[in-house]
């Protein structure tokens, strides 16, 4: 039964990495939008950065789930 916990841990690490990259890319888009004074890019970058942070927090929360059936 430890396989399920190990698999969940590996998936969680992958999702955290994806969320980190998504957040970083959102910050880059936000910075480019601020430099160009482009409102739509500012909004998209901010929402993307917040979305990436939510993905990271959800993945960290998933690791707290107890999957042992004993």
C-alpha atoms as a PDB file:
ATOM      1  CA  UNK A   1       0.000   0.000   0.000  1.00  0.00           C
ATOM      2  CA  UNK A   2       3.007   2.252   0.238  1.00  0.00           C
ATOM      3  CA  UNK A   3       3.034   2.453  -3.557  1.00  0.00           C
ATOM      4  CA  UNK A   4       0.035   4.772  -3.523  1.00  0.00           C
ATOM      5  CA  UNK A   5       1.704   7.136  -1.070  1.00  0.00           C
ATOM      6  CA  UNK A   6       4.934   7.127  -3.084  1.00  0.00           C
ATOM      7  CA  UNK A   7       3.047   7.750  -6.319  1.00  0.00           C
ATOM      8  CA  UNK A   8       1.098  10.599  -4.757  1.00  0.00           C
ATOM      9  CA  UNK A   9       4.341  12.105  -3.482  1.00  0.00           C
ATOM     10  CA  UNK A  10       5.964  11.947  -6.940  1.00  0.00           C
ATOM     11  CA  UNK A  11       2.913  13.463  -8.624  1.00  0.00           C
ATOM     12  CA  UNK A  12       2.798  16.199  -6.013  1.00  0.00           C
ATOM     13  CA  UNK A  13       6.429  17.119  -6.636  1.00  0.00           C
ATOM     14  CA  UNK A  14       5.758  17.318 -10.373  1.00  0.00           C
ATOM     15  CA  UNK A  15       2.725  19.530  -9.858  1.00  0.00           C
ATOM     16  CA  UNK A  16       4.696  21.793  -7.525  1.00  0.00           C
ATOM     17  CA  UNK A  17       7.382  22.142 -10.218  1.00  0.00           C
ATOM     18  CA  UNK A  18       4.732  22.972 -12.829  1.00  0.00           C
ATOM     19  CA  UNK A  19       3.097  25.520 -10.527  1.00  0.00           C
ATOM     20  CA  UNK A  20       6.457  27.133  -9.845  1.00  0.00           C
ATOM     21  CA  UNK A  21       7.192  27.491 -13.545  1.00  0.00           C
ATOM     22  CA  UNK A  22       3.677  28.805 -14.169  1.00  0.00           C
ATOM     23  CA  UNK A  23       4.115  31.404 -11.414  1.00  0.00           C
ATOM     24  CA  UNK A  24       7.514  32.501 -12.706  1.00  0.00           C
ATOM     25  CA  UNK A  25       6.183  32.834 -16.247  1.00  0.00           C
ATOM     26  CA  UNK A  26       3.244  34.882 -14.933  1.00  0.00           C
ATOM     27  CA  UNK A  27       5.656  37.233 -13.175  1.00  0.00           C
ATOM     28  CA  UNK A  28       7.609  37.614 -16.422  1.00  0.00           C
ATOM     29  CA  UNK A  29       4.410  38.453 -18.333  1.00  0.00           C
ATOM     30  CA  UNK A  30       3.424  40.880 -15.563  1.00  0.00           C
ATOM     31  CA  UNK A  31       6.784  42.619 -15.750  1.00  0.00           C
ATOM     32  CA  UNK A  32       6.599  42.919 -19.531  1.00  0.00           C
ATOM     33  CA  UNK A  33       3.083  44.333 -19.264  1.00  0.00           C
ATOM     34  CA  UNK A  34       4.185  46.896 -16.693  1.00  0.00           C
ATOM     35  CA  UNK A  35       7.116  47.939 -18.868  1.00  0.00           C
ATOM     36  CA  UNK A  36       4.910  48.396 -21.937  1.00  0.00           C
ATOM     37  CA  UNK A  37       1.956  49.860 -19.980  1.00  0.00           C
ATOM     38  CA  UNK A  38      -0.249  47.133 -21.481  1.00  0.00           C
ATOM     39  CA  UNK A  39      -3.281  46.598 -19.261  1.00  0.00           C
ATOM     40  CA  UNK A  40      -4.258  43.227 -20.668  1.00  0.00           C
ATOM     41  CA  UNK A  41      -0.767  41.771 -20.168  1.00  0.00           C
ATOM     42  CA  UNK A  42      -0.676  43.138 -16.621  1.00  0.00           C
ATOM     43  CA  UNK A  43      -3.985  41.433 -15.859  1.00  0.00           C
ATOM     44  CA  UNK A  44      -2.995  38.163 -17.538  1.00  0.00           C
ATOM     45  CA  UNK A  45       0.384  38.067 -15.807  1.00  0.00           C
ATOM     46  CA  UNK A  46      -1.118  38.770 -12.413  1.00  0.00           C
ATOM     47  CA  UNK A  47      -3.815  36.131 -12.831  1.00  0.00           C
ATOM     48  CA  UNK A  48      -1.284  33.596 -14.105  1.00  0.00           C
ATOM     49  CA  UNK A  49       1.028  34.215 -11.144  1.00  0.00           C
ATOM     50  CA  UNK A  50      -1.864  33.849  -8.695  1.00  0.00           C
ATOM     51  CA  UNK A  51      -3.021  30.702 -10.494  1.00  0.00           C
ATOM     52  CA  UNK A  52       0.448  29.195 -10.231  1.00  0.00           C
ATOM     53  CA  UNK A  53       0.523  29.970  -6.516  1.00  0.00           C
ATOM     54  CA  UNK A  54      -2.844  28.218  -6.106  1.00  0.00           C
ATOM     55  CA  UNK A  55      -1.521  25.166  -7.960  1.00  0.00           C
ATOM     56  CA  UNK A  56       1.491  25.064  -5.634  1.00  0.00           C
ATOM     57  CA  UNK A  57      -0.655  25.366  -2.522  1.00  0.00           C
ATOM     58  CA  UNK A  58      -3.113  22.702  -3.733  1.00  0.00           C
ATOM     59  CA  UNK A  59      -0.278  20.306  -4.471  1.00  0.00           C
ATOM     60  CA  UNK A  60       1.248  20.920  -1.053  1.00  0.00           C
ATOM     61  CA  UNK A  61      -2.174  20.242   0.477  1.00  0.00           C
ATOM     62  CA  UNK A  62      -2.481  16.955  -1.435  1.00  0.00           C
ATOM     63  CA  UNK A  63       0.641  15.648   0.296  1.00  0.00           C
ATOM     64  CA  UNK A  64      -1.215  15.921   3.623  1.00  0.00           C
ATOM     65  CA  UNK A  65      -3.802  13.324   2.566  1.00  0.00           C
ATOM     66  CA  UNK A  66      -3.417  10.028   4.414  1.00  0.00           C
ATOM     67  CA  UNK A  67      -3.680   7.164   1.926  1.00  0.00           C
ATOM     68  CA  UNK A  68      -2.930   4.317   4.311  1.00  0.00           C
ATOM     69  CA  UNK A  69      -5.854   1.942   4.594  1.00  0.00           C
ATOM     70  CA  UNK A  70      -4.779   0.402   7.865  1.00  0.00           C
END
